[in-house]
Amino acid sequence: MEEKRHTSLHYEKELQTIKDGLIYLGVLTEAAIGKAMKSLSGRDTELAHQVVREDDEIDRLDTDLEERCIKILALRQPAAIDLRFITTAIKITGHLERIGDMAVNIAEKVMRLNEEPQLKPYIDLPRMSELVGNMIRDSLDSFINSDLEKAEQVRRLEQVIDDLNEQIFRELLTFMMEDSKNIHRALLVMQISKNMERIADHAKGIADMVTYMVTGNCVRHQSCGMTT
């Protein structure tokens, strides 16, 4: 009886380790986005290089968490909510790893932008960075606490990011039409904005997975659950 109790406690510890790892991975990706944006607004190329270097730790943690989840699936054979928790955790690590890649993409664009005069004051991009950071944090909070309301808040914020991305695109298009010398820099800024928009998509993807984990309903595609 005592051995069974110990095994159960060990299983709970394994699940908690997954939660803690996801939180830490989320902190790293959110920090990477913040540093990438700071390197842009502060024209700090060395900080952009730091974002690229630190992506190795995000990749390492992503691999470690995925291996832990697979081990639990193989040895524990979880059922019901625990099974959805583990499979959701595996997909979330993938979303976070790709968010880290987006931060690297932004940092690489910053390195190139910092070699030239600044095209315009950066106002909307820092706002996007702040919002996507909130989306990452809230999506993980919704996962840890099975909070459907917070997951829905993340989904609503995605539209705000889409609107900002469209606004930046229109503004930069005007810059390019006014002077062809602006085209190269404007395209780089557009790509940064697009990466922010893609980060928001991944945060929404995490929120969608939380809804699936808690309710068993797929909300990623309108066709999910529909019969033909």
Protein backbone atom coordinates (compact mmCIF):
# COMPACT_ATOMS: atom_id res chain seq x y z
CA MET A 1 0.00 0.00 0.00
CA GLU A 2 2.86 2.33 0.88
CA GLU A 3 4.60 1.57 -2.45
CA LYS A 4 1.39 2.44 -4.35
CA ARG A 5 1.16 5.76 -2.53
CA HIS A 6 4.77 6.55 -3.35
CA THR A 7 4.21 5.77 -7.02
CA SER A 8 1.17 8.06 -7.11
CA LEU A 9 3.13 10.91 -5.53
CA HIS A 10 5.94 10.36 -8.00
CA TYR A 11 3.46 10.57 -10.87
CA GLU A 12 2.12 13.85 -9.53
CA LYS A 13 5.68 15.14 -9.31
CA GLU A 14 6.26 14.18 -12.94
CA LEU A 15 3.18 16.12 -14.03
CA GLN A 16 4.24 19.12 -11.94
CA THR A 17 7.68 19.03 -13.57
CA ILE A 18 5.99 19.33 -16.95
CA LYS A 19 3.99 22.34 -15.74
CA ASP A 20 7.06 24.02 -14.27
CA GLY A 21 9.04 23.39 -17.45
CA LEU A 22 6.33 24.93 -19.62
CA ILE A 23 6.17 28.01 -17.40
CA TYR A 24 9.94 28.42 -17.62
CA LEU A 25 9.88 27.92 -21.40
CA GLY A 26 7.17 30.57 -21.60
CA VAL A 27 9.29 32.97 -19.55
CA LEU A 28 12.23 32.42 -21.89
CA THR A 29 10.21 33.01 -25.05
CA GLU A 30 8.51 36.09 -23.63
CA ALA A 31 11.91 37.47 -22.59
CA ALA A 32 13.29 36.77 -26.07
CA ILE A 33 10.52 38.83 -27.66
CA GLY A 34 11.09 41.66 -25.19
CA LYS A 35 14.84 41.69 -25.83
CA ALA A 36 14.35 41.58 -29.59
CA MET A 37 12.04 44.58 -29.41
CA LYS A 38 14.37 46.43 -27.03
CA SER A 39 17.24 45.82 -29.46
CA LEU A 40 15.11 47.49 -32.15
CA SER A 41 13.92 50.51 -30.20
CA GLY A 42 17.34 51.01 -28.57
CA ARG A 43 19.30 50.15 -31.73
CA ASP A 44 21.23 47.61 -29.62
CA THR A 45 22.71 45.12 -32.06
CA GLU A 46 24.57 43.19 -29.36
CA LEU A 47 21.26 42.53 -27.60
CA ALA A 48 19.88 41.19 -30.88
CA HIS A 49 22.84 38.80 -31.08
CA GLN A 50 22.06 37.70 -27.52
CA VAL A 51 18.52 36.74 -28.55
CA VAL A 52 19.96 34.51 -31.27
CA ARG A 53 22.46 32.86 -28.92
CA GLU A 54 19.89 32.21 -26.18
CA ASP A 55 17.57 30.40 -28.58
CA ASP A 56 19.69 27.28 -28.03
CA GLU A 57 18.36 27.08 -24.46
CA ILE A 58 14.77 27.32 -25.71
CA ASP A 59 15.42 24.51 -28.20
CA ARG A 60 17.07 22.38 -25.50
CA LEU A 61 14.19 22.83 -23.08
CA ASP A 62 11.64 22.11 -25.81
CA THR A 63 13.35 18.78 -26.55
CA ASP A 64 13.64 17.91 -22.86
CA LEU A 65 9.96 18.59 -22.17
CA GLU A 66 8.83 16.60 -25.20
CA GLU A 67 10.95 13.63 -24.11
CA ARG A 68 9.53 13.81 -20.58
CA CYS A 69 5.97 13.82 -21.95
CA ILE A 70 6.66 10.85 -24.21
CA LYS A 71 8.18 8.95 -21.29
CA ILE A 72 5.07 9.55 -19.19
CA LEU A 73 2.86 8.37 -22.06
CA ALA A 74 4.91 5.20 -22.41
CA LEU A 75 5.32 4.32 -18.73
CA ARG A 76 2.15 5.71 -17.12
CA GLN A 77 -0.34 5.18 -19.94
CA PRO A 78 -2.48 8.10 -18.72
CA ALA A 79 -6.19 8.21 -19.47
CA ALA A 80 -8.91 10.86 -19.73
CA ILE A 81 -7.86 14.32 -18.54
CA ASP A 82 -4.25 13.28 -17.83
CA LEU A 83 -3.91 12.01 -21.39
CA ARG A 84 -5.25 15.28 -22.79
CA PHE A 85 -2.92 17.19 -20.44
CA ILE A 86 0.18 15.37 -21.71
CA THR A 87 -0.73 15.54 -25.38
CA THR A 88 -1.60 19.21 -25.00
CA ALA A 89 1.72 19.87 -23.25
CA ILE A 90 3.61 18.32 -26.17
CA LYS A 91 1.85 20.61 -28.63
CA ILE A 92 2.38 23.66 -26.43
CA THR A 93 6.14 23.07 -26.32
CA GLY A 94 6.08 23.10 -30.12
CA HIS A 95 4.22 26.42 -30.16
CA LEU A 96 6.69 27.95 -27.69
CA GLU A 97 9.72 26.70 -29.62
CA ARG A 98 8.38 28.29 -32.78
CA ILE A 99 7.73 31.54 -30.89
CA GLY A 100 11.41 31.46 -29.95
CA ASP A 101 12.23 31.09 -33.65
CA MET A 102 10.08 34.15 -34.40
CA ALA A 103 12.03 36.15 -31.81
CA VAL A 104 15.25 35.10 -33.54
CA ASN A 105 13.81 36.18 -36.89
CA ILE A 106 12.98 39.58 -35.42
CA ALA A 107 16.49 39.91 -33.94
CA GLU A 108 18.06 39.11 -37.32
CA LYS A 109 15.96 41.81 -39.00
CA VAL A 110 16.98 44.25 -36.26
CA MET A 111 20.67 43.61 -36.96
CA ARG A 112 20.12 44.70 -40.55
CA LEU A 113 17.95 47.68 -39.64
CA ASN A 114 20.50 48.96 -37.14
CA GLU A 115 23.06 49.28 -39.95
CA GLU A 116 20.95 52.03 -41.53
CA PRO A 117 19.28 55.26 -40.35
CA GLN A 118 15.99 54.67 -38.53
CA LEU A 119 13.05 54.86 -40.92
CA LYS A 120 10.46 56.09 -38.41
CA PRO A 121 9.73 56.16 -34.67
CA TYR A 122 8.65 52.75 -33.42
CA ILE A 123 5.30 53.08 -31.68
CA ASP A 124 3.01 50.23 -32.74
CA LEU A 125 5.71 47.53 -32.74
CA PRO A 126 6.51 47.93 -29.02
CA ARG A 127 2.77 47.81 -28.37
CA MET A 128 2.51 44.58 -30.34
CA SER A 129 5.45 43.16 -28.40
CA GLU A 130 3.75 43.96 -25.09
CA LEU A 131 0.47 42.42 -26.22
CA VAL A 132 1.96 39.18 -27.55
CA GLY A 133 3.95 38.84 -24.34
CA ASN A 134 0.68 39.08 -22.41
CA MET A 135 -0.88 36.52 -24.74
CA ILE A 136 1.90 34.02 -24.11
CA ARG A 137 1.71 34.51 -20.36
CA ASP A 138 -2.10 34.32 -20.25
CA SER A 139 -2.28 31.29 -22.53
CA LEU A 140 0.09 29.38 -20.24
CA ASP A 141 -1.81 30.55 -17.16
CA SER A 142 -4.98 29.24 -18.76
CA PHE A 143 -3.25 25.89 -19.34
CA ILE A 144 -1.88 25.54 -15.82
CA ASN A 145 -5.20 26.54 -14.22
CA SER A 146 -7.59 25.08 -16.85
CA ASP A 147 -8.98 28.62 -17.18
CA LEU A 148 -11.29 28.79 -20.19
CA GLU A 149 -12.11 32.46 -19.66
CA LYS A 150 -8.45 33.44 -19.88
CA ALA A 151 -8.04 31.29 -22.98
CA GLU A 152 -10.90 33.20 -24.58
CA GLN A 153 -9.22 36.51 -23.67
CA VAL A 154 -6.13 35.36 -25.56
CA ARG A 155 -8.21 34.55 -28.63
CA ARG A 156 -9.78 38.01 -28.57
CA LEU A 157 -6.37 39.72 -28.39
CA GLU A 158 -5.31 38.02 -31.61
CA GLN A 159 -7.64 40.32 -33.56
CA VAL A 160 -6.01 43.37 -31.96
CA ILE A 161 -2.62 42.14 -33.17
CA ASP A 162 -4.00 41.50 -36.66
CA ASP A 163 -5.35 45.07 -36.77
CA LEU A 164 -2.01 46.54 -35.67
CA ASN A 165 -0.17 44.49 -38.26
CA GLU A 166 -2.50 45.77 -40.97
CA GLN A 167 -2.08 49.34 -39.74
CA ILE A 168 1.71 49.07 -39.84
CA PHE A 169 1.56 47.56 -43.34
CA ARG A 170 -0.51 50.46 -44.68
CA GLU A 171 1.74 53.05 -43.07
CA LEU A 172 4.92 51.48 -44.42
CA LEU A 173 3.40 51.13 -47.87
CA THR A 174 3.03 54.90 -47.88
CA PHE A 175 6.70 55.31 -46.95
CA MET A 176 7.73 53.06 -49.84
CA MET A 177 5.55 54.93 -52.33
CA GLU A 178 6.97 58.28 -51.24
CA ASP A 179 10.62 57.30 -51.72
CA SER A 180 12.08 54.11 -53.19
CA LYS A 181 15.05 54.48 -50.83
CA ASN A 182 12.70 53.51 -48.00
CA ILE A 183 11.70 50.17 -49.50
CA HIS A 184 14.45 48.00 -47.99
CA ARG A 185 13.99 49.30 -44.44
CA ALA A 186 10.20 49.30 -44.73
CA LEU A 187 10.19 45.66 -45.82
CA LEU A 188 12.33 44.69 -42.83
CA VAL A 189 9.94 46.46 -40.45
CA MET A 190 6.99 44.76 -42.17
CA GLN A 191 8.65 41.40 -41.60
CA ILE A 192 9.10 42.18 -37.91
CA SER A 193 5.42 43.09 -37.65
CA LYS A 194 4.47 39.89 -39.47
CA ASN A 195 6.56 37.86 -37.03
CA MET A 196 4.68 39.48 -34.16
CA GLU A 197 1.42 38.53 -35.84
CA ARG A 198 2.63 34.93 -36.18
CA ILE A 199 3.62 34.86 -32.49
CA ALA A 200 0.05 35.89 -31.66
CA ASP A 201 -1.18 33.00 -33.81
CA HIS A 202 0.92 30.56 -31.77
CA ALA A 203 -0.35 32.02 -28.48
CA LYS A 204 -3.90 31.59 -29.76
CA GLY A 205 -2.98 28.03 -30.73
CA ILE A 206 -2.04 27.37 -27.10
CA ALA A 207 -5.36 28.84 -25.94
CA ASP A 208 -7.21 26.62 -28.42
CA MET A 209 -5.40 23.56 -27.06
CA VAL A 210 -6.43 24.53 -23.52
CA THR A 211 -10.07 24.54 -24.59
CA TYR A 212 -9.60 21.09 -26.07
CA MET A 213 -7.86 19.83 -22.93
CA VAL A 214 -10.60 21.05 -20.61
CA THR A 215 -13.70 20.39 -22.71
CA GLY A 216 -12.61 17.85 -25.31
CA ASN A 217 -13.91 20.23 -28.01
CA CYS A 218 -11.62 21.28 -30.87
CA VAL A 219 -11.85 24.99 -31.68
CA ARG A 220 -8.81 25.28 -33.95
CA HIS A 221 -10.81 24.74 -37.12
CA GLN A 222 -14.47 25.35 -37.73
CA SER A 223 -14.73 21.96 -39.34
CA CYS A 224 -13.51 20.12 -36.23
CA GLY A 225 -16.13 17.80 -34.92
CA MET A 226 -18.36 18.27 -38.00
CA THR A 227 -19.53 15.37 -40.06
CA THR A 228 -19.68 15.32 -43.82
